[in-house]
């Protein structure tokens, strides 16, 4: 699909929906230049509907942790609409990307990223976890979470959903990593803003 064809598709979607809706194949096919073209033309005026895999995740979240779902989406006439700035997080090589939960106001955040890994104390631990992963050995939930956080942003809800774990198990993994000084947990959205890239 050419960039002009994509922009025509976007215009048609926006006229029909009042926001941009793309199918999974279109998200997958977008290249960085096309993402920039869409954001440049529509980014300041229109919202983007999350891709289907993220809508399925948030529907799971609604039944699993309704308090968190409400913190994110309650009061929105049409949930699952986000800034066009997030388009790159769901497109091309990132087609399976997540709308990572990092700005909860009424409940604690459980967002983690490489910036929240405690340097030096975690080096040997993470090296051992990577060795176990490379050798295809089993990993505990805490080891899995440390590996995920060292590779990029993750929240415990996406983590629990991805690995079919209970939220209690995911929260215990956080406590273990915090107690072992591997991971820093910053529950407040205000303080957490220092640790993630605002689009």
N, C-alpha and C. Protein backbone atom coordinates (compact mmCIF):
# COMPACT_ATOMS: atom_id res chain seq x y z
N UNK A 1 0.85 -1.18 0.00
CA UNK A 1 0.00 0.00 0.00
C UNK A 1 0.89 1.24 0.00
N UNK A 2 0.62 2.14 -0.91
CA UNK A 2 1.39 3.38 -0.96
C UNK A 2 0.94 4.31 0.17
N UNK A 3 1.74 5.32 0.42
CA UNK A 3 1.39 6.29 1.46
C UNK A 3 0.10 7.02 1.10
N UNK A 4 -0.07 7.36 -0.16
CA UNK A 4 -1.30 8.05 -0.58
C UNK A 4 -2.52 7.15 -0.39
N UNK A 5 -2.38 5.87 -0.72
CA UNK A 5 -3.49 4.93 -0.50
C UNK A 5 -3.81 4.82 0.98
N UNK A 6 -2.76 4.80 1.80
CA UNK A 6 -2.96 4.73 3.25
C UNK A 6 -3.69 5.96 3.76
N UNK A 7 -3.27 7.14 3.32
CA UNK A 7 -3.91 8.37 3.78
C UNK A 7 -5.37 8.44 3.34
N UNK A 8 -5.67 7.92 2.16
CA UNK A 8 -7.06 7.84 1.70
C UNK A 8 -7.86 6.90 2.60
N UNK A 9 -7.27 5.75 2.93
CA UNK A 9 -7.91 4.79 3.84
C UNK A 9 -8.17 5.44 5.20
N UNK A 10 -7.19 6.18 5.70
CA UNK A 10 -7.34 6.86 6.99
C UNK A 10 -8.46 7.89 6.94
N UNK A 11 -8.50 8.66 5.88
CA UNK A 11 -9.53 9.69 5.74
C UNK A 11 -10.92 9.07 5.72
N UNK A 12 -11.06 7.96 5.00
CA UNK A 12 -12.34 7.25 4.93
C UNK A 12 -12.75 6.74 6.31
N UNK A 13 -11.79 6.17 7.04
CA UNK A 13 -12.07 5.65 8.38
C UNK A 13 -12.48 6.77 9.33
N UNK A 14 -11.77 7.87 9.28
CA UNK A 14 -12.07 9.00 10.16
C UNK A 14 -13.45 9.59 9.85
N UNK A 15 -13.77 9.70 8.57
CA UNK A 15 -15.09 10.22 8.19
C UNK A 15 -16.20 9.28 8.65
N UNK A 16 -15.96 7.98 8.63
CA UNK A 16 -16.98 7.00 9.03
C UNK A 16 -17.11 6.86 10.54
N UNK A 17 -15.99 6.97 11.26
CA UNK A 17 -15.97 6.66 12.70
C UNK A 17 -15.76 7.85 13.62
N UNK A 18 -15.22 8.93 13.10
CA UNK A 18 -14.86 10.06 13.94
C UNK A 18 -13.50 9.88 14.59
N UNK A 19 -12.85 8.77 14.34
CA UNK A 19 -11.50 8.45 14.81
C UNK A 19 -10.92 7.42 13.85
N UNK A 20 -9.62 7.16 13.96
CA UNK A 20 -8.97 6.24 13.04
C UNK A 20 -9.08 4.80 13.53
N UNK A 21 -9.62 3.94 12.67
CA UNK A 21 -9.71 2.50 12.92
C UNK A 21 -8.95 1.80 11.80
N UNK A 22 -7.93 1.02 12.19
CA UNK A 22 -7.17 0.24 11.21
C UNK A 22 -7.31 -1.24 11.53
N UNK A 23 -7.29 -2.07 10.50
CA UNK A 23 -7.33 -3.51 10.76
C UNK A 23 -5.91 -4.02 11.06
N UNK A 24 -5.83 -5.24 11.55
CA UNK A 24 -4.54 -5.79 11.97
C UNK A 24 -3.53 -5.84 10.83
N UNK A 25 -3.98 -6.19 9.63
CA UNK A 25 -3.06 -6.25 8.49
C UNK A 25 -2.47 -4.88 8.18
N UNK A 26 -3.28 -3.85 8.26
CA UNK A 26 -2.78 -2.51 7.98
C UNK A 26 -1.76 -2.09 9.03
N UNK A 27 -2.05 -2.34 10.31
CA UNK A 27 -1.06 -2.04 11.35
C UNK A 27 0.28 -2.71 11.02
N UNK A 28 0.23 -3.99 10.63
CA UNK A 28 1.45 -4.76 10.36
C UNK A 28 2.24 -4.20 9.18
N UNK A 29 1.55 -3.67 8.18
CA UNK A 29 2.21 -3.24 6.94
C UNK A 29 2.82 -1.84 7.02
N UNK A 30 2.48 -1.07 8.02
CA UNK A 30 2.96 0.31 8.08
C UNK A 30 4.46 0.38 8.28
N UNK A 31 5.11 1.25 7.51
CA UNK A 31 6.54 1.49 7.71
C UNK A 31 6.71 2.84 8.43
N UNK A 32 7.91 3.13 8.92
CA UNK A 32 8.11 4.37 9.69
C UNK A 32 7.70 5.64 8.95
N UNK A 33 7.96 5.72 7.65
CA UNK A 33 7.56 6.92 6.90
C UNK A 33 6.05 7.06 6.83
N UNK A 34 5.35 5.95 6.67
CA UNK A 34 3.88 6.00 6.63
C UNK A 34 3.31 6.38 7.99
N UNK A 35 3.91 5.86 9.05
CA UNK A 35 3.47 6.23 10.41
C UNK A 35 3.61 7.73 10.60
N UNK A 36 4.75 8.27 10.18
CA UNK A 36 4.98 9.72 10.30
C UNK A 36 3.97 10.51 9.47
N UNK A 37 3.65 10.02 8.28
CA UNK A 37 2.69 10.72 7.41
C UNK A 37 1.30 10.76 8.05
N UNK A 38 0.87 9.63 8.63
CA UNK A 38 -0.44 9.58 9.28
C UNK A 38 -0.46 10.49 10.50
N UNK A 39 0.58 10.42 11.31
CA UNK A 39 0.64 11.26 12.52
C UNK A 39 0.70 12.73 12.15
N UNK A 40 1.43 13.05 11.11
CA UNK A 40 1.54 14.45 10.69
C UNK A 40 0.20 15.00 10.21
N UNK A 41 -0.54 14.20 9.46
CA UNK A 41 -1.80 14.68 8.90
C UNK A 41 -2.93 14.68 9.93
N UNK A 42 -2.99 13.65 10.79
CA UNK A 42 -4.17 13.48 11.65
C UNK A 42 -3.89 13.53 13.15
N UNK A 43 -2.62 13.51 13.52
CA UNK A 43 -2.25 13.32 14.92
C UNK A 43 -2.79 14.33 15.91
N UNK A 44 -2.87 15.58 15.52
CA UNK A 44 -3.32 16.59 16.49
C UNK A 44 -4.84 16.73 16.53
N UNK A 45 -5.53 16.09 15.59
CA UNK A 45 -6.98 16.29 15.49
C UNK A 45 -7.81 15.07 15.83
N UNK A 46 -7.24 13.88 15.66
CA UNK A 46 -8.04 12.66 15.78
C UNK A 46 -7.36 11.63 16.67
N UNK A 47 -8.19 10.75 17.22
CA UNK A 47 -7.69 9.67 18.06
C UNK A 47 -7.61 8.38 17.25
N UNK A 48 -6.86 7.44 17.80
CA UNK A 48 -6.63 6.13 17.19
C UNK A 48 -7.30 5.06 18.05
N UNK A 49 -8.05 4.17 17.42
CA UNK A 49 -8.62 3.03 18.15
C UNK A 49 -7.53 1.97 18.30
N UNK A 50 -7.42 1.43 19.50
CA UNK A 50 -6.42 0.39 19.75
C UNK A 50 -6.62 -0.78 18.79
N UNK A 51 -5.53 -1.50 18.48
CA UNK A 51 -5.68 -2.70 17.64
C UNK A 51 -6.46 -3.79 18.36
N UNK A 52 -6.95 -4.75 17.61
CA UNK A 52 -7.85 -5.77 18.17
C UNK A 52 -7.22 -6.56 19.31
N UNK A 53 -5.92 -6.86 19.23
CA UNK A 53 -5.31 -7.64 20.32
C UNK A 53 -5.29 -6.84 21.63
N UNK A 54 -5.17 -5.53 21.54
CA UNK A 54 -5.18 -4.72 22.75
C UNK A 54 -6.60 -4.53 23.28
N UNK A 55 -7.56 -4.44 22.40
CA UNK A 55 -8.96 -4.37 22.85
C UNK A 55 -9.31 -5.67 23.58
N UNK A 56 -8.88 -6.81 23.04
CA UNK A 56 -9.12 -8.10 23.71
C UNK A 56 -8.45 -8.11 25.08
N UNK A 57 -7.22 -7.58 25.17
CA UNK A 57 -6.54 -7.51 26.46
C UNK A 57 -7.34 -6.65 27.44
N UNK A 58 -7.80 -5.48 27.02
CA UNK A 58 -8.51 -4.59 27.94
C UNK A 58 -9.88 -5.14 28.32
N UNK A 59 -10.49 -5.93 27.46
CA UNK A 59 -11.73 -6.61 27.86
C UNK A 59 -11.42 -7.66 28.93
N UNK A 60 -10.30 -8.36 28.79
CA UNK A 60 -9.84 -9.29 29.84
C UNK A 60 -9.60 -8.52 31.14
N UNK A 61 -8.94 -7.36 31.03
CA UNK A 61 -8.65 -6.54 32.21
C UNK A 61 -9.94 -6.11 32.90
N UNK A 62 -10.96 -5.77 32.13
CA UNK A 62 -12.23 -5.33 32.71
C UNK A 62 -12.80 -6.40 33.63
N UNK A 63 -12.65 -7.66 33.28
CA UNK A 63 -13.19 -8.74 34.12
C UNK A 63 -12.20 -9.19 35.19
N UNK A 64 -10.92 -8.92 35.00
CA UNK A 64 -9.88 -9.40 35.92
C UNK A 64 -9.54 -8.37 36.99
N UNK A 65 -9.47 -7.10 36.61
CA UNK A 65 -9.12 -6.03 37.55
C UNK A 65 -9.91 -4.78 37.16
N UNK A 66 -11.20 -4.80 37.50
CA UNK A 66 -12.10 -3.73 37.07
C UNK A 66 -11.67 -2.35 37.57
N UNK A 67 -11.06 -2.30 38.75
CA UNK A 67 -10.61 -1.01 39.29
C UNK A 67 -9.60 -0.35 38.36
N UNK A 68 -8.67 -1.13 37.85
CA UNK A 68 -7.67 -0.60 36.92
C UNK A 68 -8.34 -0.20 35.60
N UNK A 69 -9.23 -1.05 35.10
CA UNK A 69 -9.93 -0.73 33.86
C UNK A 69 -10.68 0.60 34.00
N UNK A 70 -11.38 0.77 35.13
CA UNK A 70 -12.13 2.01 35.34
C UNK A 70 -11.20 3.21 35.43
N UNK A 71 -10.05 3.05 36.08
CA UNK A 71 -9.09 4.14 36.18
C UNK A 71 -8.67 4.61 34.78
N UNK A 72 -8.53 3.68 33.88
CA UNK A 72 -8.11 4.00 32.52
C UNK A 72 -9.23 4.51 31.62
N UNK A 73 -10.40 3.86 31.68
CA UNK A 73 -11.41 4.07 30.64
C UNK A 73 -12.76 4.58 31.12
N UNK A 74 -13.06 4.52 32.41
CA UNK A 74 -14.39 4.92 32.87
C UNK A 74 -14.64 6.39 32.53
N UNK A 75 -15.82 6.66 32.08
CA UNK A 75 -16.18 8.03 31.73
C UNK A 75 -15.91 8.34 30.27
N UNK A 76 -15.16 7.49 29.60
CA UNK A 76 -14.94 7.69 28.17
C UNK A 76 -16.14 7.16 27.41
N UNK A 77 -16.71 8.00 26.60
CA UNK A 77 -17.87 7.58 25.81
C UNK A 77 -17.51 6.39 24.92
N UNK A 78 -16.32 6.44 24.36
CA UNK A 78 -15.83 5.35 23.51
C UNK A 78 -14.46 4.94 24.04
N UNK A 79 -14.40 3.88 24.86
CA UNK A 79 -13.09 3.48 25.36
C UNK A 79 -12.20 2.96 24.24
N UNK A 80 -10.94 2.84 24.56
CA UNK A 80 -9.93 2.27 23.66
C UNK A 80 -9.50 3.21 22.56
N UNK A 81 -9.73 4.50 22.76
CA UNK A 81 -9.21 5.51 21.85
C UNK A 81 -8.02 6.18 22.51
N UNK A 82 -6.91 6.27 21.78
CA UNK A 82 -5.68 6.83 22.32
C UNK A 82 -5.11 7.85 21.34
N UNK A 83 -4.14 8.58 21.81
CA UNK A 83 -3.47 9.56 20.97
C UNK A 83 -2.83 8.88 19.76
N UNK A 84 -2.83 9.59 18.65
CA UNK A 84 -2.19 9.09 17.43
C UNK A 84 -0.68 8.90 17.65
N UNK A 85 -0.14 9.51 18.69
CA UNK A 85 1.28 9.33 19.00
C UNK A 85 1.63 7.86 19.24
N UNK A 86 0.65 7.07 19.66
CA UNK A 86 0.90 5.65 19.95
C UNK A 86 0.89 4.77 18.70
N UNK A 87 0.61 5.32 17.54
CA UNK A 87 0.54 4.52 16.32
C UNK A 87 1.80 3.69 16.11
N UNK A 88 2.95 4.27 16.38
CA UNK A 88 4.21 3.55 16.17
C UNK A 88 4.34 2.34 17.10
N UNK A 89 3.65 2.35 18.23
CA UNK A 89 3.73 1.24 19.18
C UNK A 89 2.97 0.01 18.72
N UNK A 90 2.15 0.14 17.69
CA UNK A 90 1.32 -0.97 17.21
C UNK A 90 1.55 -1.29 15.74
N UNK A 91 2.57 -0.72 15.13
CA UNK A 91 2.72 -0.82 13.68
C UNK A 91 4.03 -1.46 13.27
N UNK A 92 4.04 -2.02 12.06
CA UNK A 92 5.25 -2.61 11.51
C UNK A 92 5.81 -3.68 12.42
N UNK A 93 7.08 -3.55 12.77
CA UNK A 93 7.75 -4.53 13.64
C UNK A 93 7.11 -4.57 15.03
N UNK A 94 6.40 -3.52 15.41
CA UNK A 94 5.74 -3.46 16.72
C UNK A 94 4.25 -3.83 16.65
N UNK A 95 3.85 -4.53 15.60
CA UNK A 95 2.42 -4.80 15.39
C UNK A 95 1.75 -5.52 16.56
N UNK A 96 2.52 -6.22 17.35
CA UNK A 96 1.96 -6.89 18.53
C UNK A 96 2.21 -6.09 19.81
N UNK A 97 2.56 -4.83 19.66
CA UNK A 97 2.89 -3.98 20.80
C UNK A 97 1.70 -3.74 21.73
N UNK A 98 2.03 -3.21 22.89
CA UNK A 98 1.03 -3.01 23.94
C UNK A 98 0.87 -1.53 24.28
N UNK A 99 -0.33 -1.16 24.68
CA UNK A 99 -0.60 0.15 25.26
C UNK A 99 -0.31 -0.02 26.75
N UNK A 100 0.95 0.17 27.11
CA UNK A 100 1.43 -0.16 28.45
C UNK A 100 0.79 0.77 29.48
N UNK A 101 0.31 0.17 30.56
CA UNK A 101 -0.38 0.90 31.62
C UNK A 101 0.66 1.53 32.53
N UNK A 102 0.68 2.87 32.55
CA UNK A 102 1.71 3.55 33.33
C UNK A 102 1.23 4.85 33.98
N UNK A 103 -0.04 5.15 33.89
CA UNK A 103 -0.50 6.44 34.41
C UNK A 103 -1.79 6.32 35.23
N UNK A 104 -1.87 5.27 36.03
CA UNK A 104 -3.05 5.10 36.89
C UNK A 104 -3.06 6.17 37.97
N UNK A 105 -4.23 6.66 38.30
CA UNK A 105 -4.37 7.72 39.29
C UNK A 105 -4.96 7.20 40.59
N UNK A 106 -5.96 6.33 40.51
CA UNK A 106 -6.68 5.90 41.71
C UNK A 106 -6.17 4.58 42.28
N UNK A 107 -5.19 3.98 41.66
CA UNK A 107 -4.61 2.73 42.15
C UNK A 107 -3.12 2.72 41.80
N UNK A 108 -2.39 1.82 42.41
CA UNK A 108 -0.94 1.76 42.18
C UNK A 108 -0.61 1.32 40.76
N UNK A 109 0.43 1.93 40.22
CA UNK A 109 0.98 1.51 38.94
C UNK A 109 1.95 0.36 39.18
N UNK A 110 2.02 -0.52 38.23
CA UNK A 110 3.00 -1.60 38.23
C UNK A 110 3.63 -1.63 36.84
N UNK A 111 4.32 -0.55 36.53
CA UNK A 111 4.99 -0.37 35.25
C UNK A 111 6.48 -0.57 35.47
N UNK A 112 7.12 -1.29 34.55
CA UNK A 112 8.55 -1.54 34.68
C UNK A 112 9.22 -1.41 33.31
N UNK A 113 10.48 -1.00 33.34
CA UNK A 113 11.24 -0.82 32.11
C UNK A 113 12.72 -0.97 32.46
N UNK A 114 13.59 -0.97 31.45
CA UNK A 114 15.02 -1.05 31.76
C UNK A 114 15.50 0.04 32.72
N UNK A 115 14.87 1.21 32.68
CA UNK A 115 15.25 2.30 33.58
C UNK A 115 14.95 2.00 35.05
N UNK A 116 14.08 1.03 35.29
CA UNK A 116 13.70 0.68 36.67
C UNK A 116 14.42 -0.57 37.18
N UNK A 117 15.36 -1.07 36.39
CA UNK A 117 16.23 -2.16 36.84
C UNK A 117 17.36 -1.51 37.63
N UNK A 118 17.61 -2.01 38.83
CA UNK A 118 18.66 -1.43 39.68
C UNK A 118 20.01 -1.94 39.19
N UNK A 119 20.83 -1.01 38.71
CA UNK A 119 22.13 -1.38 38.15
C UNK A 119 23.03 -1.99 39.22
N UNK A 120 23.98 -2.74 38.78
CA UNK A 120 24.98 -3.45 39.59
C UNK A 120 24.36 -4.58 40.39
N UNK A 121 23.39 -4.26 41.27
CA UNK A 121 22.77 -5.31 42.06
C UNK A 121 22.11 -6.36 41.18
N UNK A 122 21.61 -5.93 40.03
CA UNK A 122 20.85 -6.84 39.17
C UNK A 122 21.70 -7.53 38.10
N UNK A 123 22.93 -7.09 37.90
CA UNK A 123 23.73 -7.59 36.78
C UNK A 123 23.88 -9.11 36.78
N UNK A 124 24.34 -9.67 37.90
CA UNK A 124 24.55 -11.12 37.97
C UNK A 124 23.22 -11.86 37.86
N UNK A 125 22.20 -11.34 38.51
CA UNK A 125 20.88 -11.97 38.48
C UNK A 125 20.36 -12.04 37.04
N UNK A 126 20.40 -10.91 36.34
CA UNK A 126 19.88 -10.88 34.97
C UNK A 126 20.73 -11.73 34.03
N UNK A 127 22.03 -11.77 34.25
CA UNK A 127 22.89 -12.63 33.42
C UNK A 127 22.50 -14.09 33.60
N UNK A 128 22.23 -14.49 34.84
CA UNK A 128 21.82 -15.88 35.11
C UNK A 128 20.45 -16.17 34.48
N UNK A 129 19.53 -15.21 34.57
CA UNK A 129 18.20 -15.40 33.97
C UNK A 129 18.32 -15.53 32.45
N UNK A 130 19.13 -14.69 31.84
CA UNK A 130 19.31 -14.77 30.38
C UNK A 130 19.93 -16.11 29.97
N UNK A 131 20.88 -16.60 30.79
CA UNK A 131 21.48 -17.91 30.51
C UNK A 131 20.42 -19.00 30.58
N UNK A 132 19.58 -18.96 31.60
CA UNK A 132 18.52 -19.96 31.74
C UNK A 132 17.55 -19.89 30.55
N UNK A 133 17.21 -18.67 30.15
CA UNK A 133 16.30 -18.49 29.01
C UNK A 133 16.94 -19.04 27.73
N UNK A 134 18.19 -18.68 27.51
CA UNK A 134 18.90 -19.14 26.31
C UNK A 134 19.00 -20.67 26.27
N UNK A 135 19.19 -21.28 27.44
CA UNK A 135 19.30 -22.74 27.55
C UNK A 135 17.94 -23.42 27.62
N UNK A 136 16.86 -22.63 27.48
CA UNK A 136 15.48 -23.13 27.49
C UNK A 136 15.12 -23.83 28.80
N UNK A 137 15.67 -23.32 29.89
CA UNK A 137 15.31 -23.83 31.22
C UNK A 137 14.10 -23.05 31.71
N UNK A 138 13.37 -23.64 32.64
CA UNK A 138 12.17 -22.97 33.16
C UNK A 138 12.58 -21.74 33.97
N UNK A 139 11.69 -20.76 33.97
CA UNK A 139 11.90 -19.52 34.72
C UNK A 139 10.75 -19.32 35.68
N UNK A 140 11.05 -18.76 36.84
CA UNK A 140 10.00 -18.40 37.79
C UNK A 140 9.30 -17.14 37.26
N UNK A 141 8.12 -16.82 37.78
CA UNK A 141 7.48 -15.57 37.36
C UNK A 141 8.38 -14.34 37.60
N UNK A 142 9.10 -14.32 38.72
CA UNK A 142 9.99 -13.18 38.99
C UNK A 142 11.11 -13.10 37.95
N UNK A 143 11.67 -14.24 37.60
CA UNK A 143 12.72 -14.24 36.58
C UNK A 143 12.17 -13.77 35.23
N UNK A 144 10.98 -14.26 34.89
CA UNK A 144 10.35 -13.84 33.63
C UNK A 144 10.09 -12.33 33.61
N UNK A 145 9.58 -11.81 34.72
CA UNK A 145 9.29 -10.37 34.80
C UNK A 145 10.57 -9.55 34.68
N UNK A 146 11.64 -10.00 35.34
CA UNK A 146 12.90 -9.25 35.24
C UNK A 146 13.41 -9.25 33.80
N UNK A 147 13.27 -10.37 33.12
CA UNK A 147 13.69 -10.46 31.72
C UNK A 147 12.85 -9.52 30.85
N UNK A 148 11.54 -9.55 31.03
CA UNK A 148 10.65 -8.65 30.27
C UNK A 148 11.00 -7.19 30.52
N UNK A 149 11.16 -6.82 31.79
CA UNK A 149 11.45 -5.42 32.14
C UNK A 149 12.81 -4.97 31.60
N UNK A 150 13.76 -5.89 31.54
CA UNK A 150 15.09 -5.53 31.03
C UNK A 150 15.07 -5.33 29.51
N UNK A 151 14.06 -5.89 28.84
CA UNK A 151 13.97 -5.79 27.38
C UNK A 151 13.12 -4.62 26.91
N UNK A 152 12.28 -4.06 27.78
CA UNK A 152 11.43 -2.94 27.37
C UNK A 152 10.28 -2.77 28.33
N UNK A 153 9.48 -1.72 28.13
CA UNK A 153 8.37 -1.43 29.04
C UNK A 153 7.36 -2.58 29.13
N UNK A 154 6.90 -2.82 30.36
CA UNK A 154 5.89 -3.85 30.63
C UNK A 154 5.13 -3.44 31.88
N UNK A 155 3.87 -3.79 31.94
CA UNK A 155 3.12 -3.63 33.19
C UNK A 155 2.68 -5.02 33.63
N UNK A 156 2.30 -5.16 34.90
CA UNK A 156 2.00 -6.52 35.38
C UNK A 156 0.72 -7.08 34.77
N UNK A 157 -0.17 -6.23 34.30
CA UNK A 157 -1.41 -6.74 33.71
C UNK A 157 -1.12 -7.39 32.35
N UNK A 158 -0.35 -6.70 31.51
CA UNK A 158 0.05 -7.31 30.24
C UNK A 158 0.91 -8.55 30.51
N UNK A 159 1.78 -8.46 31.50
CA UNK A 159 2.65 -9.59 31.85
C UNK A 159 1.81 -10.80 32.26
N UNK A 160 0.86 -10.59 33.16
CA UNK A 160 0.01 -11.69 33.63
C UNK A 160 -0.81 -12.27 32.48
N UNK A 161 -1.35 -11.41 31.64
CA UNK A 161 -2.15 -11.86 30.50
C UNK A 161 -1.29 -12.66 29.52
N UNK A 162 -0.11 -12.15 29.21
CA UNK A 162 0.77 -12.80 28.23
C UNK A 162 1.17 -14.21 28.67
N UNK A 163 1.44 -14.37 29.98
CA UNK A 163 1.93 -15.66 30.49
C UNK A 163 0.86 -16.46 31.23
N UNK A 164 -0.38 -16.01 31.14
CA UNK A 164 -1.49 -16.72 31.78
C UNK A 164 -1.25 -16.93 33.28
N UNK A 165 -0.85 -15.86 33.94
CA UNK A 165 -0.60 -15.88 35.38
C UNK A 165 -1.69 -15.10 36.10
N UNK A 166 -1.92 -15.42 37.35
CA UNK A 166 -2.85 -14.62 38.15
C UNK A 166 -2.17 -13.29 38.50
N UNK A 167 -2.98 -12.27 38.77
CA UNK A 167 -2.40 -10.99 39.19
C UNK A 167 -1.68 -11.12 40.52
N UNK A 168 -2.18 -11.98 41.40
CA UNK A 168 -1.49 -12.21 42.68
C UNK A 168 -0.09 -12.76 42.44
N UNK A 169 0.05 -13.69 41.51
CA UNK A 169 1.37 -14.25 41.18
C UNK A 169 2.28 -13.16 40.63
N UNK A 170 1.75 -12.33 39.75
CA UNK A 170 2.54 -11.24 39.17
C UNK A 170 2.97 -10.24 40.25
N UNK A 171 2.07 -9.92 41.17
CA UNK A 171 2.42 -8.98 42.25
C UNK A 171 3.45 -9.58 43.20
N UNK A 172 3.36 -10.89 43.45
CA UNK A 172 4.37 -11.55 44.28
C UNK A 172 5.74 -11.51 43.59
N UNK A 173 5.75 -11.64 42.27
CA UNK A 173 7.00 -11.55 41.52
C UNK A 173 7.62 -10.16 41.69
N UNK A 174 6.78 -9.13 41.66
CA UNK A 174 7.27 -7.76 41.88
C UNK A 174 7.88 -7.64 43.27
N UNK A 175 7.16 -8.11 44.29
CA UNK A 175 7.68 -8.03 45.66
C UNK A 175 9.02 -8.74 45.79
N UNK A 176 9.14 -9.90 45.18
CA UNK A 176 10.40 -10.65 45.23
C UNK A 176 11.54 -9.86 44.60
N UNK A 177 11.29 -9.27 43.44
CA UNK A 177 12.33 -8.50 42.75
C UNK A 177 12.68 -7.22 43.48
N UNK A 178 11.70 -6.59 44.10
CA UNK A 178 11.96 -5.38 44.89
C UNK A 178 12.76 -5.75 46.14
N UNK A 179 12.35 -6.81 46.83
CA UNK A 179 13.07 -7.25 48.04
C UNK A 179 14.51 -7.64 47.72
N UNK A 180 14.73 -8.22 46.55
CA UNK A 180 16.08 -8.64 46.16
C UNK A 180 16.87 -7.51 45.50
N UNK A 181 16.30 -6.31 45.47
CA UNK A 181 16.95 -5.12 44.91
C UNK A 181 17.34 -5.31 43.43
N UNK A 182 16.43 -5.93 42.70
CA UNK A 182 16.62 -6.10 41.26
C UNK A 182 15.82 -5.04 40.51
N UNK A 183 14.67 -4.71 41.05
CA UNK A 183 13.70 -3.86 40.37
C UNK A 183 13.21 -2.77 41.30
N UNK A 184 13.01 -1.59 40.75
CA UNK A 184 12.44 -0.46 41.48
C UNK A 184 10.96 -0.38 41.14
N UNK A 185 10.11 -0.32 42.17
CA UNK A 185 8.66 -0.19 41.96
C UNK A 185 8.25 1.23 42.34
N UNK A 186 7.70 1.96 41.37
CA UNK A 186 7.26 3.34 41.57
C UNK A 186 5.75 3.37 41.34
N UNK A 187 4.94 3.27 42.41
CA UNK A 187 3.49 3.16 42.23
C UNK A 187 2.79 4.45 41.78
N UNK A 188 3.35 5.61 42.08
CA UNK A 188 2.69 6.88 41.78
C UNK A 188 2.93 7.30 40.33
N UNK A 189 1.85 7.62 39.63
CA UNK A 189 1.96 8.07 38.24
C UNK A 189 2.80 9.34 38.14
N UNK A 190 2.65 10.22 39.12
CA UNK A 190 3.39 11.48 39.11
C UNK A 190 4.90 11.23 39.15
N UNK A 191 5.34 10.33 40.03
CA UNK A 191 6.76 10.02 40.12
C UNK A 191 7.22 9.13 38.97
N UNK A 192 6.35 8.28 38.51
CA UNK A 192 6.69 7.35 37.44
C UNK A 192 6.94 8.07 36.12
N UNK A 193 6.34 9.23 35.94
CA UNK A 193 6.50 9.99 34.70
C UNK A 193 7.97 10.27 34.38
N UNK A 194 8.82 10.27 35.40
CA UNK A 194 10.25 10.49 35.19
C UNK A 194 10.92 9.31 34.49
N UNK A 195 10.25 8.16 34.45
CA UNK A 195 10.88 6.94 33.95
C UNK A 195 10.37 6.46 32.60
N UNK A 196 9.46 7.17 31.98
CA UNK A 196 9.02 6.71 30.67
C UNK A 196 8.95 7.86 29.69
N UNK A 197 9.05 7.49 28.43
CA UNK A 197 9.07 8.43 27.33
C UNK A 197 7.65 8.86 26.99
N UNK A 198 7.38 10.14 27.15
CA UNK A 198 6.06 10.67 26.79
C UNK A 198 6.08 10.94 25.29
N UNK A 199 5.08 10.39 24.58
CA UNK A 199 5.07 10.51 23.11
C UNK A 199 4.88 11.93 22.70
